[in-house]
Amino acid sequence: MSLIYKICEADIWRDAETAGKFCGAGIDLVDGYIHFSTAAQASDTARLHFKHTENLVLVAVDTATLEIKWEASRGGDLFPHLYGDLPMSAVIAVEPM
């Protein structure tokens, strides 16, 4: 199993759980894909993009059934992106941050 991670506001995530899928939030909607991080990238992502945001969750996602594209971003690192909705069936865990 290969895991990637999504940082999201808890209220937005609850709405996604009710809908049965996550369609993105904030920059995801602007860019047209859902931004994820690897385990090694998640803390920097939180620090850089969610520093002043409260009530966040960290969502662990299994990539086995998803078409993830790895694309260069911050510092040339490859980041996982999903061009489409994230089905709840791919979510392994959701933890408060």
C-alpha atoms as a PDB file:
ATOM      1  CA  MET A   1       0.000   0.000   0.000  1.00  0.00           C
ATOM      2  CA  SER A   2       1.309   3.414  -0.949  1.00  0.00           C
ATOM      3  CA  LEU A   3      -0.035   6.314   1.104  1.00  0.00           C
ATOM      4  CA  ILE A   4      -0.302  10.005   0.328  1.00  0.00           C
ATOM      5  CA  TYR A   5      -1.754  12.728   2.531  1.00  0.00           C
ATOM      6  CA  LYS A   6      -4.226  15.592   2.231  1.00  0.00           C
ATOM      7  CA  ILE A   7      -4.420  18.448   4.721  1.00  0.00           C
ATOM      8  CA  CYS A   8      -7.889  19.918   4.866  1.00  0.00           C
ATOM      9  CA  GLU A   9     -10.171  21.990   7.070  1.00  0.00           C
ATOM     10  CA  ALA A  10     -12.300  19.653   9.173  1.00  0.00           C
ATOM     11  CA  ASP A  11     -15.605  21.271   8.138  1.00  0.00           C
ATOM     12  CA  ILE A  12     -14.817  20.853   4.446  1.00  0.00           C
ATOM     13  CA  TRP A  13     -13.775  17.255   5.042  1.00  0.00           C
ATOM     14  CA  ARG A  14     -17.028  16.460   6.900  1.00  0.00           C
ATOM     15  CA  ASP A  15     -18.977  17.782   3.911  1.00  0.00           C
ATOM     16  CA  ALA A  16     -16.940  15.539   1.614  1.00  0.00           C
ATOM     17  CA  GLU A  17     -17.652  12.500   3.786  1.00  0.00           C
ATOM     18  CA  THR A  18     -21.372  13.272   3.579  1.00  0.00           C
ATOM     19  CA  ALA A  19     -21.118  13.602  -0.209  1.00  0.00           C
ATOM     20  CA  GLY A  20     -19.084  10.400  -0.512  1.00  0.00           C
ATOM     21  CA  LYS A  21     -16.226  12.147  -2.310  1.00  0.00           C
ATOM     22  CA  PHE A  22     -13.780  15.014  -1.920  1.00  0.00           C
ATOM     23  CA  CYS A  23     -13.792  17.402  -4.861  1.00  0.00           C
ATOM     24  CA  GLY A  24     -11.050  19.671  -3.562  1.00  0.00           C
ATOM     25  CA  ALA A  25     -10.857  22.908  -1.618  1.00  0.00           C
ATOM     26  CA  GLY A  26      -9.164  26.260  -1.991  1.00  0.00           C
ATOM     27  CA  ILE A  27      -6.114  25.952  -4.228  1.00  0.00           C
ATOM     28  CA  ASP A  28      -7.299  22.546  -5.492  1.00  0.00           C
ATOM     29  CA  LEU A  29     -10.338  24.176  -7.080  1.00  0.00           C
ATOM     30  CA  VAL A  30      -8.240  26.994  -8.542  1.00  0.00           C
ATOM     31  CA  ASP A  31      -5.591  24.644  -9.991  1.00  0.00           C
ATOM     32  CA  GLY A  32      -8.013  21.982 -11.238  1.00  0.00           C
ATOM     33  CA  TYR A  33      -6.545  19.060  -9.291  1.00  0.00           C
ATOM     34  CA  ILE A  34      -6.271  17.874  -5.702  1.00  0.00           C
ATOM     35  CA  HIS A  35      -2.919  18.554  -4.052  1.00  0.00           C
ATOM     36  CA  PHE A  36      -1.445  15.824  -1.845  1.00  0.00           C
ATOM     37  CA  SER A  37       1.852  15.344  -0.038  1.00  0.00           C
ATOM     38  CA  THR A  38       4.002  12.381   0.817  1.00  0.00           C
ATOM     39  CA  ALA A  39       4.687  11.639   4.472  1.00  0.00           C
ATOM     40  CA  ALA A  40       8.037  13.424   4.122  1.00  0.00           C
ATOM     41  CA  GLN A  41       6.409  16.511   2.561  1.00  0.00           C
ATOM     42  CA  ALA A  42       3.350  16.876   4.806  1.00  0.00           C
ATOM     43  CA  SER A  43       4.933  18.866   7.644  1.00  0.00           C
ATOM     44  CA  ASP A  44       6.379  21.459   5.246  1.00  0.00           C
ATOM     45  CA  THR A  45       3.040  21.666   3.444  1.00  0.00           C
ATOM     46  CA  ALA A  46       1.275  22.312   6.760  1.00  0.00           C
ATOM     47  CA  ARG A  47       3.820  24.940   7.771  1.00  0.00           C
ATOM     48  CA  LEU A  48       3.851  26.755   4.427  1.00  0.00           C
ATOM     49  CA  HIS A  49       0.188  26.620   3.433  1.00  0.00           C
ATOM     50  CA  PHE A  50      -1.846  26.109   6.603  1.00  0.00           C
ATOM     51  CA  LYS A  51       0.152  28.041   9.217  1.00  0.00           C
ATOM     52  CA  HIS A  52      -2.758  30.242  10.286  1.00  0.00           C
ATOM     53  CA  THR A  53      -5.553  27.718   9.769  1.00  0.00           C
ATOM     54  CA  GLU A  54      -7.168  25.948  12.688  1.00  0.00           C
ATOM     55  CA  ASN A  55      -9.313  22.827  12.868  1.00  0.00           C
ATOM     56  CA  LEU A  56      -7.394  20.814  10.276  1.00  0.00           C
ATOM     57  CA  VAL A  57      -7.406  17.102   9.545  1.00  0.00           C
ATOM     58  CA  LEU A  58      -4.732  14.939   7.982  1.00  0.00           C
ATOM     59  CA  VAL A  59      -6.249  12.462   5.559  1.00  0.00           C
ATOM     60  CA  ALA A  60      -4.304   9.312   4.649  1.00  0.00           C
ATOM     61  CA  VAL A  61      -5.119   8.024   1.177  1.00  0.00           C
ATOM     62  CA  ASP A  62      -4.249   4.706  -0.465  1.00  0.00           C
ATOM     63  CA  THR A  63      -3.133   5.332  -4.045  1.00  0.00           C
ATOM     64  CA  ALA A  64      -3.839   1.772  -5.264  1.00  0.00           C
ATOM     65  CA  THR A  65      -7.085   2.631  -7.072  1.00  0.00           C
ATOM     66  CA  LEU A  66      -6.246   6.220  -8.028  1.00  0.00           C
ATOM     67  CA  GLU A  67      -4.544   7.706 -11.066  1.00  0.00           C
ATOM     68  CA  ILE A  68      -2.010   9.880  -9.284  1.00  0.00           C
ATOM     69  CA  LYS A  69       0.242  12.145 -11.312  1.00  0.00           C
ATOM     70  CA  TRP A  70       3.601  13.023  -9.775  1.00  0.00           C
ATOM     71  CA  GLU A  71       4.537  16.549 -10.767  1.00  0.00           C
ATOM     72  CA  ALA A  72       7.382  18.882  -9.876  1.00  0.00           C
ATOM     73  CA  SER A  73       6.519  21.618  -7.425  1.00  0.00           C
ATOM     74  CA  ARG A  74       8.172  23.197  -4.392  1.00  0.00           C
ATOM     75  CA  GLY A  75      11.946  22.991  -4.801  1.00  0.00           C
ATOM     76  CA  GLY A  76      11.588  20.619  -7.739  1.00  0.00           C
ATOM     77  CA  ASP A  77      10.207  17.843  -5.508  1.00  0.00           C
ATOM     78  CA  LEU A  78       7.611  15.569  -7.070  1.00  0.00           C
ATOM     79  CA  PHE A  79       4.202  15.931  -5.449  1.00  0.00           C
ATOM     80  CA  PRO A  80       1.179  13.676  -5.910  1.00  0.00           C
ATOM     81  CA  HIS A  81      -1.818  15.238  -7.676  1.00  0.00           C
ATOM     82  CA  LEU A  82      -5.237  13.808  -8.483  1.00  0.00           C
ATOM     83  CA  TYR A  83      -7.100  15.158 -11.498  1.00  0.00           C
ATOM     84  CA  GLY A  84     -10.611  14.249 -10.420  1.00  0.00           C
ATOM     85  CA  ASP A  85     -12.559  13.572  -7.266  1.00  0.00           C
ATOM     86  CA  LEU A  86     -11.219  11.552  -4.355  1.00  0.00           C
ATOM     87  CA  PRO A  87     -13.614   8.706  -3.492  1.00  0.00           C
ATOM     88  CA  MET A  88     -14.024   7.957   0.207  1.00  0.00           C
ATOM     89  CA  SER A  89     -13.199   4.313  -0.559  1.00  0.00           C
ATOM     90  CA  ALA A  90      -9.527   5.348  -0.998  1.00  0.00           C
ATOM     91  CA  VAL A  91      -9.352   7.018   2.426  1.00  0.00           C
ATOM     92  CA  ILE A  92      -7.552   4.962   5.058  1.00  0.00           C
ATOM     93  CA  ALA A  93      -7.632   7.351   8.036  1.00  0.00           C
ATOM     94  CA  VAL A  94      -8.560  10.877   9.075  1.00  0.00           C
ATOM     95  CA  GLU A  95      -6.785  12.394  12.082  1.00  0.00           C
ATOM     96  CA  PRO A  96      -7.087  15.837  13.673  1.00  0.00           C
ATOM     97  CA  MET A  97      -3.958  17.965  13.421  1.00  0.00           C
END
